[in-house]
Amino acid sequence: MSLIPPSPLGQTTVYADQYDASLLFPIPRAPQRDKLGLAGRLPFLGADLWTAFELSWLNARGKPQVALAHITVPCESVNIIESKSLKLYLGSFSNTRFADASEVLARLRTDLTEAAWRGGVMQSSVGVKLIAADQFDREPLFELDGLSLDRLDLDCDRYTPAPELLTAATDEAPVSETLTSHLLKSNCPVTGQPDWASVQISYFGPQIDQAGLLGYIVSFRNHTGFHEDCVERMFMDIQTRCQTHKLSLYARYTRRGGLDINPFRTSFPQPLPPNVRTARQ
């Protein structure tokens, strides 16, 4: 398999246990966006919502501390952050002493913001929120709202992206719908490992043919692409083929390496969805 030198993804790695911001490996968004014709101003807003489940450090007296981290990476950022590098970076906190959780949060925000905007001009910082251990029981499970496309009984034989399956009733009055599916799967472009996801499509516009939309979602099954790239490709295909007036697309990918990545893209300003995990995550 081809690797992205010198990315740690897919390679044997030594796990550092002392804080090391240099472990973060940014990957430019531009090459994949160029393939979608996304030059200049983006046709969407949004962010990549990460959850880090394996975060621990030492307090000033050497006692281990644990927390969850919710991380929000703006979609306008120059780079995505390669997931294994983020895992290694978080692991480097494990034997490092910090005065308190606020110092950990500040380090995370500074380092992740630098990596996300490396090579460009920073427009907004990466958001970081720590959930302390005594708040873990407040972290709920929540399934994506909407009408399930998975109820449809249909033949599927396309397993690479097939945007031609997308159609909409452009000669009828527009509708507003929210549709969901648990059948999204793609593959890591470096390791080939499967990435599983639930997806929510909310739109206003010509009514989208639901069978064709489900077939399109299924068609990503053998596709290789990072989570963020898959969501942006889906967004652009649906917007272009179905002529939506408003469109939002949200995918929640299952956890790998103690991290889940959940890209959200929308054609109009609105609050980000809450970063609440689903049962599969």
C-alpha atoms as a PDB file:
ATOM      1  CA  MET A   1       0.000   0.000   0.000  1.00  0.00           C
ATOM      2  CA  SER A   2       1.191   3.504  -0.711  1.00  0.00           C
ATOM      3  CA  LEU A   3       1.999   5.596   2.334  1.00  0.00           C
ATOM      4  CA  ILE A   4       1.964   9.357   2.762  1.00  0.00           C
ATOM      5  CA  PRO A   5       5.616  10.032   3.721  1.00  0.00           C
ATOM      6  CA  PRO A   6       6.494  10.654   6.450  1.00  0.00           C
ATOM      7  CA  SER A   7       3.053  10.000   7.915  1.00  0.00           C
ATOM      8  CA  PRO A   8       2.965   7.464  10.772  1.00  0.00           C
ATOM      9  CA  LEU A   9      -0.266   6.017   9.402  1.00  0.00           C
ATOM     10  CA  GLY A  10       0.188   2.378   8.445  1.00  0.00           C
ATOM     11  CA  GLN A  11       3.745   2.207   9.749  1.00  0.00           C
ATOM     12  CA  THR A  12       5.332   0.604  12.805  1.00  0.00           C
ATOM     13  CA  THR A  13       5.633   3.389  15.354  1.00  0.00           C
ATOM     14  CA  VAL A  14       7.345   4.014  18.669  1.00  0.00           C
ATOM     15  CA  TYR A  15       4.805   5.380  21.144  1.00  0.00           C
ATOM     16  CA  ALA A  16       6.122   8.435  22.969  1.00  0.00           C
ATOM     17  CA  ASP A  17       4.975   9.056  26.539  1.00  0.00           C
ATOM     18  CA  GLN A  18       6.426  12.559  26.949  1.00  0.00           C
ATOM     19  CA  TYR A  19       4.614  15.541  25.491  1.00  0.00           C
ATOM     20  CA  ASP A  20       5.647  16.107  21.873  1.00  0.00           C
ATOM     21  CA  ALA A  21       3.685  18.464  19.615  1.00  0.00           C
ATOM     22  CA  SER A  22       5.887  17.532  16.636  1.00  0.00           C
ATOM     23  CA  LEU A  23       4.039  14.208  16.382  1.00  0.00           C
ATOM     24  CA  LEU A  24       1.056  15.926  14.737  1.00  0.00           C
ATOM     25  CA  PHE A  25       0.996  15.318  10.970  1.00  0.00           C
ATOM     26  CA  PRO A  26      -1.142  17.689   8.867  1.00  0.00           C
ATOM     27  CA  ILE A  27      -2.435  16.589   5.463  1.00  0.00           C
ATOM     28  CA  PRO A  28      -3.480  19.386   3.055  1.00  0.00           C
ATOM     29  CA  ARG A  29      -7.143  19.426   2.095  1.00  0.00           C
ATOM     30  CA  ALA A  30      -6.436  21.067  -1.280  1.00  0.00           C
ATOM     31  CA  PRO A  31      -5.498  18.013  -3.411  1.00  0.00           C
ATOM     32  CA  GLN A  32      -8.759  16.200  -2.704  1.00  0.00           C
ATOM     33  CA  ARG A  33     -10.799  19.380  -3.029  1.00  0.00           C
ATOM     34  CA  ASP A  34      -9.149  20.112  -6.372  1.00  0.00           C
ATOM     35  CA  LYS A  35     -10.518  16.796  -7.624  1.00  0.00           C
ATOM     36  CA  LEU A  36     -14.016  18.028  -6.714  1.00  0.00           C
ATOM     37  CA  GLY A  37     -13.478  21.353  -8.472  1.00  0.00           C
ATOM     38  CA  LEU A  38     -13.392  23.226  -5.174  1.00  0.00           C
ATOM     39  CA  ALA A  39     -11.085  26.114  -5.923  1.00  0.00           C
ATOM     40  CA  GLY A  40     -11.421  29.441  -4.166  1.00  0.00           C
ATOM     41  CA  ARG A  41     -14.328  30.083  -1.810  1.00  0.00           C
ATOM     42  CA  LEU A  42     -15.894  26.896  -0.477  1.00  0.00           C
ATOM     43  CA  PRO A  43     -19.570  26.217  -1.267  1.00  0.00           C
ATOM     44  CA  PHE A  44     -20.156  24.925   2.260  1.00  0.00           C
ATOM     45  CA  LEU A  45     -19.582  25.695   5.929  1.00  0.00           C
ATOM     46  CA  GLY A  46     -18.997  23.278   8.766  1.00  0.00           C
ATOM     47  CA  ALA A  47     -16.389  21.472  10.786  1.00  0.00           C
ATOM     48  CA  ASP A  48     -14.899  18.097  11.618  1.00  0.00           C
ATOM     49  CA  LEU A  49     -16.030  17.044  15.085  1.00  0.00           C
ATOM     50  CA  TRP A  50     -13.556  14.695  16.791  1.00  0.00           C
ATOM     51  CA  THR A  51     -13.913  12.799  20.051  1.00  0.00           C
ATOM     52  CA  ALA A  52     -10.770  11.592  21.805  1.00  0.00           C
ATOM     53  CA  PHE A  53     -11.441   8.806  24.301  1.00  0.00           C
ATOM     54  CA  GLU A  54      -7.830   8.055  25.274  1.00  0.00           C
ATOM     55  CA  LEU A  55      -6.473  11.176  26.946  1.00  0.00           C
ATOM     56  CA  SER A  56      -4.470  10.995  30.162  1.00  0.00           C
ATOM     57  CA  TRP A  57      -1.725  13.012  31.836  1.00  0.00           C
ATOM     58  CA  LEU A  58      -0.080  13.435  35.250  1.00  0.00           C
ATOM     59  CA  ASN A  59      -0.961  16.187  37.682  1.00  0.00           C
ATOM     60  CA  ALA A  60       1.706  18.183  39.514  1.00  0.00           C
ATOM     61  CA  ARG A  61       2.059  15.393  42.087  1.00  0.00           C
ATOM     62  CA  GLY A  62       2.390  12.651  39.466  1.00  0.00           C
ATOM     63  CA  LYS A  63      -1.128  11.246  39.826  1.00  0.00           C
ATOM     64  CA  PRO A  64      -2.745  10.173  36.518  1.00  0.00           C
ATOM     65  CA  GLN A  65      -5.718  12.182  35.272  1.00  0.00           C
ATOM     66  CA  VAL A  66      -8.159  11.177  32.539  1.00  0.00           C
ATOM     67  CA  ALA A  67     -10.627  13.073  30.362  1.00  0.00           C
ATOM     68  CA  LEU A  68     -12.514  12.942  27.100  1.00  0.00           C
ATOM     69  CA  ALA A  69     -11.801  15.650  24.538  1.00  0.00           C
ATOM     70  CA  HIS A  70     -14.240  17.112  22.037  1.00  0.00           C
ATOM     71  CA  ILE A  71     -12.272  18.723  19.196  1.00  0.00           C
ATOM     72  CA  THR A  72     -13.748  20.975  16.497  1.00  0.00           C
ATOM     73  CA  VAL A  73     -11.637  21.530  13.366  1.00  0.00           C
ATOM     74  CA  PRO A  74     -13.075  24.224  11.031  1.00  0.00           C
ATOM     75  CA  CYS A  75     -13.634  22.981   7.497  1.00  0.00           C
ATOM     76  CA  GLU A  76     -11.919  26.144   6.223  1.00  0.00           C
ATOM     77  CA  SER A  77      -8.624  25.017   7.753  1.00  0.00           C
ATOM     78  CA  VAL A  78      -5.744  24.317   5.398  1.00  0.00           C
ATOM     79  CA  ASN A  79      -5.220  20.772   6.674  1.00  0.00           C
ATOM     80  CA  ILE A  80      -6.862  17.777   8.177  1.00  0.00           C
ATOM     81  CA  ILE A  81      -4.878  16.135  10.978  1.00  0.00           C
ATOM     82  CA  GLU A  82      -3.890  12.556  10.243  1.00  0.00           C
ATOM     83  CA  SER A  83      -5.628  10.365  12.804  1.00  0.00           C
ATOM     84  CA  LYS A  84      -2.748   8.154  13.928  1.00  0.00           C
ATOM     85  CA  SER A  85      -0.560  11.190  14.435  1.00  0.00           C
ATOM     86  CA  LEU A  86      -3.252  12.636  16.684  1.00  0.00           C
ATOM     87  CA  LYS A  87      -3.366   9.369  18.624  1.00  0.00           C
ATOM     88  CA  LEU A  88       0.418   9.448  19.061  1.00  0.00           C
ATOM     89  CA  TYR A  89       0.310  13.106  20.075  1.00  0.00           C
ATOM     90  CA  LEU A  90      -2.378  12.462  22.691  1.00  0.00           C
ATOM     91  CA  GLY A  91      -0.407   9.463  23.937  1.00  0.00           C
ATOM     92  CA  SER A  92       2.600  11.695  24.503  1.00  0.00           C
ATOM     93  CA  PHE A  93       0.717  13.413  27.339  1.00  0.00           C
ATOM     94  CA  SER A  94       0.567  10.218  29.384  1.00  0.00           C
ATOM     95  CA  ASN A  95       3.744  10.605  31.472  1.00  0.00           C
ATOM     96  CA  THR A  96       3.949  14.388  31.338  1.00  0.00           C
ATOM     97  CA  ARG A  97       3.090  16.548  34.351  1.00  0.00           C
ATOM     98  CA  PHE A  98       0.744  19.492  33.915  1.00  0.00           C
ATOM     99  CA  ALA A  99      -0.370  21.984  36.536  1.00  0.00           C
ATOM    100  CA  ASP A 100      -4.055  21.355  35.826  1.00  0.00           C
ATOM    101  CA  ALA A 101      -6.599  20.503  33.136  1.00  0.00           C
ATOM    102  CA  SER A 102      -6.664  24.080  31.869  1.00  0.00           C
ATOM    103  CA  GLU A 103      -2.981  23.806  30.934  1.00  0.00           C
ATOM    104  CA  VAL A 104      -3.701  20.581  29.038  1.00  0.00           C
ATOM    105  CA  LEU A 105      -6.599  22.248  27.224  1.00  0.00           C
ATOM    106  CA  ALA A 106      -4.450  25.241  26.268  1.00  0.00           C
ATOM    107  CA  ARG A 107      -1.704  22.973  24.880  1.00  0.00           C
ATOM    108  CA  LEU A 108      -4.225  20.996  22.860  1.00  0.00           C
ATOM    109  CA  ARG A 109      -5.864  24.096  21.404  1.00  0.00           C
ATOM    110  CA  THR A 110      -2.537  25.740  20.506  1.00  0.00           C
ATOM    111  CA  ASP A 111      -0.961  22.645  18.940  1.00  0.00           C
ATOM    112  CA  LEU A 112      -4.017  21.488  17.010  1.00  0.00           C
ATOM    113  CA  THR A 113      -4.681  24.987  15.677  1.00  0.00           C
ATOM    114  CA  GLU A 114      -1.096  25.276  14.459  1.00  0.00           C
ATOM    115  CA  ALA A 115      -1.294  21.898  12.693  1.00  0.00           C
ATOM    116  CA  ALA A 116      -4.681  22.619  11.102  1.00  0.00           C
ATOM    117  CA  TRP A 117      -3.531  25.936   9.638  1.00  0.00           C
ATOM    118  CA  ARG A 118       0.113  25.084   8.916  1.00  0.00           C
ATOM    119  CA  GLY A 119       1.075  26.531   5.546  1.00  0.00           C
ATOM    120  CA  GLY A 120      -1.752  29.053   5.533  1.00  0.00           C
ATOM    121  CA  VAL A 121      -3.212  32.013   7.371  1.00  0.00           C
ATOM    122  CA  MET A 122      -5.171  31.108  10.490  1.00  0.00           C
ATOM    123  CA  GLN A 123      -8.801  32.247  10.354  1.00  0.00           C
ATOM    124  CA  SER A 124     -10.168  30.565  13.465  1.00  0.00           C
ATOM    125  CA  SER A 125      -8.792  28.333  16.183  1.00  0.00           C
ATOM    126  CA  VAL A 126      -9.526  24.659  16.713  1.00  0.00           C
ATOM    127  CA  GLY A 127     -12.083  24.242  19.469  1.00  0.00           C
ATOM    128  CA  VAL A 128     -11.289  21.941  22.395  1.00  0.00           C
ATOM    129  CA  LYS A 129     -13.510  20.949  25.306  1.00  0.00           C
ATOM    130  CA  LEU A 130     -12.421  18.543  28.038  1.00  0.00           C
ATOM    131  CA  ILE A 131     -14.912  16.287  29.807  1.00  0.00           C
ATOM    132  CA  ALA A 132     -13.647  15.337  33.263  1.00  0.00           C
ATOM    133  CA  ALA A 133     -14.116  11.822  34.647  1.00  0.00           C
ATOM    134  CA  ASP A 134     -16.789  12.943  37.110  1.00  0.00           C
ATOM    135  CA  GLN A 135     -18.878  14.098  34.133  1.00  0.00           C
ATOM    136  CA  PHE A 136     -18.635  10.894  32.076  1.00  0.00           C
ATOM    137  CA  ASP A 137     -22.134   9.786  33.070  1.00  0.00           C
ATOM    138  CA  ARG A 138     -23.515  12.937  31.439  1.00  0.00           C
ATOM    139  CA  GLU A 139     -22.294  11.826  28.013  1.00  0.00           C
ATOM    140  CA  PRO A 140     -25.415  10.447  26.302  1.00  0.00           C
ATOM    141  CA  LEU A 141     -25.988   8.182  23.329  1.00  0.00           C
ATOM    142  CA  PHE A 142     -28.013   9.709  20.528  1.00  0.00           C
ATOM    143  CA  GLU A 143     -29.002   8.348  17.136  1.00  0.00           C
ATOM    144  CA  LEU A 144     -29.296  10.687  14.169  1.00  0.00           C
ATOM    145  CA  ASP A 145     -32.799  12.055  13.641  1.00  0.00           C
ATOM    146  CA  GLY A 146     -34.577  11.454  10.359  1.00  0.00           C
ATOM    147  CA  LEU A 147     -36.425   8.969   8.194  1.00  0.00           C
ATOM    148  CA  SER A 148     -34.313   5.842   7.743  1.00  0.00           C
ATOM    149  CA  LEU A 149     -33.421   5.002   4.162  1.00  0.00           C
ATOM    150  CA  ASP A 150     -32.374   1.544   5.359  1.00  0.00           C
ATOM    151  CA  ARG A 151     -36.037   0.498   5.479  1.00  0.00           C
ATOM    152  CA  LEU A 152     -36.010   0.309   1.679  1.00  0.00           C
ATOM    153  CA  ASP A 153     -35.712  -3.133   0.071  1.00  0.00           C
ATOM    154  CA  LEU A 154     -33.590  -2.740  -3.043  1.00  0.00           C
ATOM    155  CA  ASP A 155     -30.920  -4.465  -5.086  1.00  0.00           C
ATOM    156  CA  CYS A 156     -27.402  -3.029  -4.695  1.00  0.00           C
ATOM    157  CA  ASP A 157     -24.570  -3.754  -7.105  1.00  0.00           C
ATOM    158  CA  ARG A 158     -22.546  -0.521  -7.148  1.00  0.00           C
ATOM    159  CA  TYR A 159     -19.697  -0.334  -4.635  1.00  0.00           C
ATOM    160  CA  THR A 160     -17.680   2.576  -5.960  1.00  0.00           C
ATOM    161  CA  PRO A 161     -19.151   6.104  -5.912  1.00  0.00           C
ATOM    162  CA  ALA A 162     -21.998   6.291  -8.396  1.00  0.00           C
ATOM    163  CA  PRO A 163     -23.420   9.846  -8.426  1.00  0.00           C
ATOM    164  CA  GLU A 164     -25.536   8.954 -11.469  1.00  0.00           C
ATOM    165  CA  LEU A 165     -27.852   7.111  -9.063  1.00  0.00           C
ATOM    166  CA  LEU A 166     -28.919  10.472  -7.607  1.00  0.00           C
ATOM    167  CA  THR A 167     -32.092  11.990  -9.038  1.00  0.00           C
ATOM    168  CA  ALA A 168     -34.726  14.428  -7.818  1.00  0.00           C
ATOM    169  CA  ALA A 169     -38.193  15.585  -8.877  1.00  0.00           C
ATOM    170  CA  THR A 170     -37.107  18.944 -10.250  1.00  0.00           C
ATOM    171  CA  ASP A 171     -40.504  19.518 -11.901  1.00  0.00           C
ATOM    172  CA  GLU A 172     -42.407  19.341  -8.593  1.00  0.00           C
ATOM    173  CA  ALA A 173     -42.748  21.595  -5.568  1.00  0.00           C
ATOM    174  CA  PRO A 174     -39.741  21.565  -3.244  1.00  0.00           C
ATOM    175  CA  VAL A 175     -39.847  19.606   0.011  1.00  0.00           C
ATOM    176  CA  SER A 176     -37.964  19.620   3.278  1.00  0.00           C
ATOM    177  CA  GLU A 177     -36.662  16.252   4.500  1.00  0.00           C
ATOM    178  CA  THR A 178     -34.140  14.695   6.850  1.00  0.00           C
ATOM    179  CA  LEU A 179     -32.971  11.225   5.837  1.00  0.00           C
ATOM    180  CA  THR A 180     -30.554   8.848   7.560  1.00  0.00           C
ATOM    181  CA  SER A 181     -28.663   5.644   6.903  1.00  0.00           C
ATOM    182  CA  HIS A 182     -26.328   3.381   8.858  1.00  0.00           C
ATOM    183  CA  LEU A 183     -24.962   1.810   5.661  1.00  0.00           C
ATOM    184  CA  LEU A 184     -22.112   4.167   4.825  1.00  0.00           C
ATOM    185  CA  LYS A 185     -18.733   2.450   4.602  1.00  0.00           C
ATOM    186  CA  SER A 186     -15.490   3.594   3.041  1.00  0.00           C
ATOM    187  CA  ASN A 187     -11.864   2.530   3.401  1.00  0.00           C
ATOM    188  CA  CYS A 188      -8.746   4.278   4.666  1.00  0.00           C
ATOM    189  CA  PRO A 189      -6.700   5.362   1.622  1.00  0.00           C
ATOM    190  CA  VAL A 190      -3.436   4.384   3.342  1.00  0.00           C
ATOM    191  CA  THR A 191      -4.070   1.251   5.417  1.00  0.00           C
ATOM    192  CA  GLY A 192      -7.140  -0.089   3.615  1.00  0.00           C
ATOM    193  CA  GLN A 193      -8.944  -0.544   6.938  1.00  0.00           C
ATOM    194  CA  PRO A 194     -12.738  -0.207   6.810  1.00  0.00           C
ATOM    195  CA  ASP A 195     -14.395   2.959   8.102  1.00  0.00           C
ATOM    196  CA  TRP A 196     -18.036   2.568   9.177  1.00  0.00           C
ATOM    197  CA  ALA A 197     -20.486   5.439   9.565  1.00  0.00           C
ATOM    198  CA  SER A 198     -24.027   6.633   9.973  1.00  0.00           C
ATOM    199  CA  VAL A 199     -25.036   9.578   7.806  1.00  0.00           C
ATOM    200  CA  GLN A 200     -27.761  12.221   7.979  1.00  0.00           C
ATOM    201  CA  ILE A 201     -28.876  14.265   4.951  1.00  0.00           C
ATOM    202  CA  SER A 202     -31.133  17.268   5.554  1.00  0.00           C
ATOM    203  CA  TYR A 203     -32.285  19.325   2.589  1.00  0.00           C
ATOM    204  CA  PHE A 204     -34.834  21.699   1.119  1.00  0.00           C
ATOM    205  CA  GLY A 205     -35.415  21.408  -2.597  1.00  0.00           C
ATOM    206  CA  PRO A 206     -36.690  19.002  -5.240  1.00  0.00           C
ATOM    207  CA  GLN A 207     -37.613  15.708  -3.582  1.00  0.00           C
ATOM    208  CA  ILE A 208     -34.699  13.296  -3.810  1.00  0.00           C
ATOM    209  CA  ASP A 209     -35.396   9.753  -4.961  1.00  0.00           C
ATOM    210  CA  GLN A 210     -34.767   7.788  -1.768  1.00  0.00           C
ATOM    211  CA  ALA A 211     -33.854   4.488  -3.387  1.00  0.00           C
ATOM    212  CA  GLY A 212     -31.288   6.215  -5.564  1.00  0.00           C
ATOM    213  CA  LEU A 213     -29.881   8.073  -2.553  1.00  0.00           C
ATOM    214  CA  LEU A 214     -29.509   4.863  -0.555  1.00  0.00           C
ATOM    215  CA  GLY A 215     -27.841   3.159  -3.519  1.00  0.00           C
ATOM    216  CA  TYR A 216     -25.475   6.110  -3.760  1.00  0.00           C
ATOM    217  CA  ILE A 217     -24.559   5.864  -0.064  1.00  0.00           C
ATOM    218  CA  VAL A 218     -23.932   2.122  -0.446  1.00  0.00           C
ATOM    219  CA  SER A 219     -21.761   2.804  -3.502  1.00  0.00           C
ATOM    220  CA  PHE A 220     -19.001   4.166  -1.251  1.00  0.00           C
ATOM    221  CA  ARG A 221     -18.467   0.671   0.174  1.00  0.00           C
ATOM    222  CA  ASN A 222     -15.197  -0.043  -1.684  1.00  0.00           C
ATOM    223  CA  HIS A 223     -14.135   3.585  -2.030  1.00  0.00           C
ATOM    224  CA  THR A 224     -10.869   4.756  -0.465  1.00  0.00           C
ATOM    225  CA  GLY A 225     -10.905   8.200   1.084  1.00  0.00           C
ATOM    226  CA  PHE A 226     -10.475  10.043   4.344  1.00  0.00           C
ATOM    227  CA  HIS A 227     -13.707  10.681   6.236  1.00  0.00           C
ATOM    228  CA  GLU A 228     -13.625  14.409   5.501  1.00  0.00           C
ATOM    229  CA  ASP A 229     -13.096  13.851   1.774  1.00  0.00           C
ATOM    230  CA  CYS A 230     -15.930  11.323   1.520  1.00  0.00           C
ATOM    231  CA  VAL A 231     -18.402  13.696   3.156  1.00  0.00           C
ATOM    232  CA  GLU A 232     -17.399  16.594   0.918  1.00  0.00           C
ATOM    233  CA  ARG A 233     -17.708  14.416  -2.175  1.00  0.00           C
ATOM    234  CA  MET A 234     -21.173  13.281  -1.088  1.00  0.00           C
ATOM    235  CA  PHE A 235     -22.211  16.848  -0.357  1.00  0.00           C
ATOM    236  CA  MET A 236     -21.120  18.091  -3.778  1.00  0.00           C
ATOM    237  CA  ASP A 237     -22.696  15.162  -5.646  1.00  0.00           C
ATOM    238  CA  ILE A 238     -26.066  15.581  -3.910  1.00  0.00           C
ATOM    239  CA  GLN A 239     -26.074  19.347  -4.291  1.00  0.00           C
ATOM    240  CA  THR A 240     -25.167  19.167  -7.986  1.00  0.00           C
ATOM    241  CA  ARG A 241     -27.283  16.201  -9.060  1.00  0.00           C
ATOM    242  CA  CYS A 242     -30.376  16.979  -6.977  1.00  0.00           C
ATOM    243  CA  GLN A 243     -30.286  20.783  -7.241  1.00  0.00           C
ATOM    244  CA  THR A 244     -30.967  21.311  -3.559  1.00  0.00           C
ATOM    245  CA  HIS A 245     -31.697  24.848  -2.334  1.00  0.00           C
ATOM    246  CA  LYS A 246     -30.368  24.060   1.133  1.00  0.00           C
ATOM    247  CA  LEU A 247     -28.322  21.034   2.139  1.00  0.00           C
ATOM    248  CA  SER A 248     -26.625  19.691   5.262  1.00  0.00           C
ATOM    249  CA  LEU A 249     -24.708  16.437   5.506  1.00  0.00           C
ATOM    250  CA  TYR A 250     -23.422  14.928   8.745  1.00  0.00           C
ATOM    251  CA  ALA A 251     -21.545  11.637   9.101  1.00  0.00           C
ATOM    252  CA  ARG A 252     -20.578   9.966  12.371  1.00  0.00           C
ATOM    253  CA  TYR A 253     -17.794   7.447  11.835  1.00  0.00           C
ATOM    254  CA  THR A 254     -17.108   4.667  14.308  1.00  0.00           C
ATOM    255  CA  ARG A 255     -14.133   4.942  16.623  1.00  0.00           C
ATOM    256  CA  ARG A 256     -10.673   3.765  15.586  1.00  0.00           C
ATOM    257  CA  GLY A 257      -7.593   4.124  17.781  1.00  0.00           C
ATOM    258  CA  GLY A 258      -9.607   5.835  20.493  1.00  0.00           C
ATOM    259  CA  LEU A 259     -10.798   8.552  18.084  1.00  0.00           C
ATOM    260  CA  ASP A 260     -13.938   9.175  16.114  1.00  0.00           C
ATOM    261  CA  ILE A 261     -14.213  11.743  13.303  1.00  0.00           C
ATOM    262  CA  ASN A 262     -17.561  13.266  12.397  1.00  0.00           C
ATOM    263  CA  PRO A 263     -17.578  15.715   9.466  1.00  0.00           C
ATOM    264  CA  PHE A 264     -20.463  18.174   9.071  1.00  0.00           C
ATOM    265  CA  ARG A 265     -21.015  20.285   5.951  1.00  0.00           C
ATOM    266  CA  THR A 266     -23.854  22.717   5.273  1.00  0.00           C
ATOM    267  CA  SER A 267     -24.748  25.135   2.480  1.00  0.00           C
ATOM    268  CA  PHE A 268     -26.114  27.773   4.882  1.00  0.00           C
ATOM    269  CA  PRO A 269     -25.122  29.194   8.285  1.00  0.00           C
ATOM    270  CA  GLN A 270     -26.413  27.180  11.227  1.00  0.00           C
ATOM    271  CA  PRO A 271     -25.109  25.901  14.562  1.00  0.00           C
ATOM    272  CA  LEU A 272     -22.894  22.843  14.504  1.00  0.00           C
ATOM    273  CA  PRO A 273     -24.626  19.645  15.612  1.00  0.00           C
ATOM    274  CA  PRO A 274     -23.846  18.480  19.138  1.00  0.00           C
ATOM    275  CA  ASN A 275     -20.894  16.107  19.260  1.00  0.00           C
ATOM    276  CA  VAL A 276     -22.885  13.253  20.785  1.00  0.00           C
ATOM    277  CA  ARG A 277     -21.882   9.698  20.013  1.00  0.00           C
ATOM    278  CA  THR A 278     -24.148   7.047  18.533  1.00  0.00           C
ATOM    279  CA  ALA A 279     -24.484   3.494  19.842  1.00  0.00           C
ATOM    280  CA  ARG A 280     -21.908   2.184  17.343  1.00  0.00           C
ATOM    281  CA  GLN A 281     -19.321   4.700  18.466  1.00  0.00           C
END
